[in-house]
Amino acid sequence: MDSDVPYDPSDVPTDVDASPDDCDEPAATACAYTEYEYVDAPTTEELPATGADADGVERAVWDELYDIEDPEMPVSIVDLGLLYGVTVEDGHAEVDMTLTYSGCPAREMLMSEVEERVASVDGVDDVNLRLVWNPPWGLEMVTEQGKADLNDFGLSV
């Protein structure tokens, strides 16, 4: 890379003490406050998951999930594309969901609400909520209804 500013190595200070965390940690680590689940991920062609073909208890779970809105904008988490799958077998509900990014400040709140709402469905005895990151969330995950809701909210998508 060329620069008009000359580089002189003697301009670099040598009397600076390294701080305790300088270069002692690996370059990249998993986020310490997020549990990562590695599951067979759907492909982006299979998303967004909307529960359109669900029936019975599974349909009731999807209905509950549709009623949960993102805390920052009035859009269902289903229409926002945060749900990757729901299965219910013998009273056991499995919910795979993601977040718009791994550092989402509403992570705990959303996960708690999803678990509580799914557990409230008649026919669900226990819930396993898995937070997954593959495939990564993107605008292509948002349903047409979600895009319309985001536009109504003032966001152009």
Protein backbone atom coordinates (compact mmCIF):
# COMPACT_ATOMS: atom_id res chain seq x y z
CA MET A 1 0.00 0.00 0.00
CA ASP A 2 1.47 3.31 -1.05
CA SER A 3 1.22 6.37 1.12
CA ASP A 4 2.39 9.94 0.84
CA VAL A 5 3.26 9.89 4.54
CA PRO A 6 6.76 8.55 5.10
CA TYR A 7 7.13 5.74 7.62
CA ASP A 8 9.94 6.07 10.09
CA PRO A 9 10.31 3.13 12.52
CA SER A 10 11.91 5.41 15.08
CA ASP A 11 8.51 7.19 15.40
CA VAL A 12 6.99 4.07 17.00
CA PRO A 13 7.14 4.29 20.81
CA THR A 14 9.08 1.48 22.47
CA ASP A 15 8.54 2.42 26.11
CA VAL A 16 4.89 1.32 26.28
CA ASP A 17 4.07 -1.55 28.63
CA ALA A 18 1.80 -4.19 27.21
CA SER A 19 -1.53 -4.43 28.98
CA PRO A 20 -2.36 -7.82 30.53
CA ASP A 21 -4.79 -8.71 27.75
CA ASP A 22 -2.60 -7.71 24.79
CA CYS A 23 -2.18 -10.72 22.54
CA ASP A 24 -2.67 -13.21 25.38
CA GLU A 25 -6.08 -14.40 24.19
CA PRO A 26 -6.83 -16.29 20.99
CA ALA A 27 -7.88 -14.08 18.08
CA ALA A 28 -11.47 -15.36 18.02
CA THR A 29 -13.54 -17.17 20.59
CA ALA A 30 -17.18 -18.06 20.90
CA CYS A 31 -19.31 -15.54 22.74
CA ALA A 32 -19.06 -16.45 26.43
CA TYR A 33 -22.71 -15.77 27.25
CA THR A 34 -24.34 -17.60 24.37
CA GLU A 35 -24.96 -21.32 24.27
CA TYR A 36 -24.29 -22.68 20.81
CA GLU A 37 -26.17 -25.68 19.49
CA TYR A 38 -24.98 -27.48 16.40
CA VAL A 39 -27.97 -29.06 14.71
CA ASP A 40 -28.85 -30.13 11.22
CA ALA A 41 -29.64 -26.71 9.87
CA PRO A 42 -32.28 -26.06 7.26
CA THR A 43 -31.14 -24.49 4.05
CA THR A 44 -32.14 -20.93 3.29
CA GLU A 45 -34.49 -22.32 0.63
CA GLU A 46 -36.42 -24.04 3.45
CA LEU A 47 -36.76 -20.78 5.37
CA PRO A 48 -38.57 -18.86 6.62
CA ALA A 49 -40.27 -21.53 8.70
CA THR A 50 -43.86 -20.44 9.23
CA GLY A 51 -45.71 -23.56 10.34
CA ALA A 52 -48.02 -23.23 7.33
CA ASP A 53 -48.55 -27.00 7.16
CA ALA A 54 -48.71 -27.61 10.92
CA ASP A 55 -51.81 -28.97 12.62
CA GLY A 56 -52.96 -29.99 16.09
CA VAL A 57 -50.69 -29.11 19.00
CA GLU A 58 -47.92 -28.03 16.63
CA ARG A 59 -50.32 -25.54 14.99
CA ALA A 60 -51.20 -24.17 18.43
CA VAL A 61 -47.47 -23.71 19.17
CA TRP A 62 -47.00 -21.78 15.92
CA ASP A 63 -50.01 -19.60 16.79
CA GLU A 64 -48.38 -18.70 20.11
CA LEU A 65 -45.09 -17.92 18.39
CA TYR A 66 -46.83 -15.65 15.87
CA ASP A 67 -48.10 -13.58 18.81
CA ILE A 68 -44.56 -12.82 20.06
CA GLU A 69 -43.23 -9.56 18.64
CA ASP A 70 -39.65 -8.46 18.36
CA PRO A 71 -39.07 -6.06 21.29
CA GLU A 72 -37.59 -3.36 19.04
CA MET A 73 -40.23 -3.32 16.31
CA PRO A 74 -43.82 -4.50 16.02
CA VAL A 75 -43.12 -7.59 13.90
CA SER A 76 -43.83 -11.20 14.80
CA ILE A 77 -40.68 -13.21 15.44
CA VAL A 78 -42.06 -15.76 12.97
CA ASP A 79 -42.51 -13.14 10.24
CA LEU A 80 -39.09 -11.73 11.09
CA GLY A 81 -37.67 -15.17 10.24
CA LEU A 82 -36.26 -16.00 13.65
CA LEU A 83 -37.89 -19.44 13.83
CA TYR A 84 -36.14 -22.25 11.97
CA GLY A 85 -38.39 -25.10 13.04
CA VAL A 86 -40.91 -26.48 15.50
CA THR A 87 -41.75 -30.10 16.21
CA VAL A 88 -44.03 -31.54 18.86
CA GLU A 89 -44.00 -35.26 19.67
CA ASP A 90 -45.58 -36.90 22.70
CA GLY A 91 -45.86 -33.59 24.53
CA HIS A 92 -42.22 -32.65 23.90
CA ALA A 93 -41.76 -29.44 21.87
CA GLU A 94 -38.50 -28.70 20.07
CA VAL A 95 -38.05 -25.12 18.88
CA ASP A 96 -35.09 -23.99 16.80
CA MET A 97 -34.65 -20.26 16.62
CA THR A 98 -32.01 -17.70 15.88
CA LEU A 99 -31.50 -14.01 16.53
CA THR A 100 -30.73 -11.18 14.17
CA TYR A 101 -27.19 -11.18 15.57
CA SER A 102 -25.32 -13.09 18.27
CA GLY A 103 -25.03 -10.09 20.60
CA CYS A 104 -28.76 -9.36 20.61
CA PRO A 105 -29.53 -7.57 23.89
CA ALA A 106 -33.03 -9.08 23.94
CA ARG A 107 -31.74 -12.65 23.76
CA GLU A 108 -32.70 -13.75 27.28
CA MET A 109 -36.05 -11.97 27.13
CA LEU A 110 -36.99 -13.52 23.79
CA MET A 111 -35.84 -16.99 24.76
CA SER A 112 -37.78 -16.84 28.03
CA GLU A 113 -40.93 -15.63 26.30
CA VAL A 114 -40.70 -18.33 23.63
CA GLU A 115 -40.24 -21.05 26.26
CA GLU A 116 -43.10 -19.73 28.41
CA ARG A 117 -45.53 -19.32 25.52
CA VAL A 118 -44.77 -22.74 24.02
CA ALA A 119 -45.06 -24.39 27.46
CA SER A 120 -48.49 -22.75 27.90
CA VAL A 121 -49.95 -24.67 24.94
CA ASP A 122 -52.30 -27.51 25.89
CA GLY A 123 -50.59 -30.75 24.97
CA VAL A 124 -47.04 -29.46 25.55
CA ASP A 125 -45.39 -30.95 28.62
CA ASP A 126 -41.84 -29.72 28.13
CA VAL A 127 -39.91 -27.43 25.80
CA ASN A 128 -36.41 -27.62 24.40
CA LEU A 129 -35.46 -24.27 22.87
CA ARG A 130 -32.31 -24.42 20.79
CA LEU A 131 -30.59 -21.21 19.79
CA VAL A 132 -28.90 -21.88 16.46
CA TRP A 133 -26.74 -19.73 14.22
CA ASN A 134 -26.68 -21.67 10.98
CA PRO A 135 -27.78 -20.53 8.54
CA PRO A 136 -27.11 -16.98 9.70
CA TRP A 137 -30.17 -14.74 9.86
CA GLY A 138 -30.59 -12.32 6.98
CA LEU A 139 -33.31 -10.21 5.38
CA GLU A 140 -34.11 -13.09 3.04
CA MET A 141 -35.54 -14.88 6.10
CA VAL A 142 -38.28 -12.26 6.56
CA THR A 143 -41.71 -13.26 5.26
CA GLU A 144 -43.71 -11.02 2.93
CA GLN A 145 -45.94 -10.09 5.89
CA GLY A 146 -42.83 -9.28 7.91
CA LYS A 147 -41.52 -7.03 5.13
CA ALA A 148 -44.87 -5.24 5.00
CA ASP A 149 -44.83 -4.80 8.80
CA LEU A 150 -41.28 -3.46 8.67
CA ASN A 151 -42.28 -1.02 5.93
CA ASP A 152 -45.24 0.12 8.05
CA PHE A 153 -42.77 0.65 10.89
CA GLY A 154 -40.70 2.89 8.63
CA LEU A 155 -37.95 0.48 7.59
CA SER A 156 -37.35 -0.06 3.91
CA VAL A 157 -36.69 -3.70 3.08
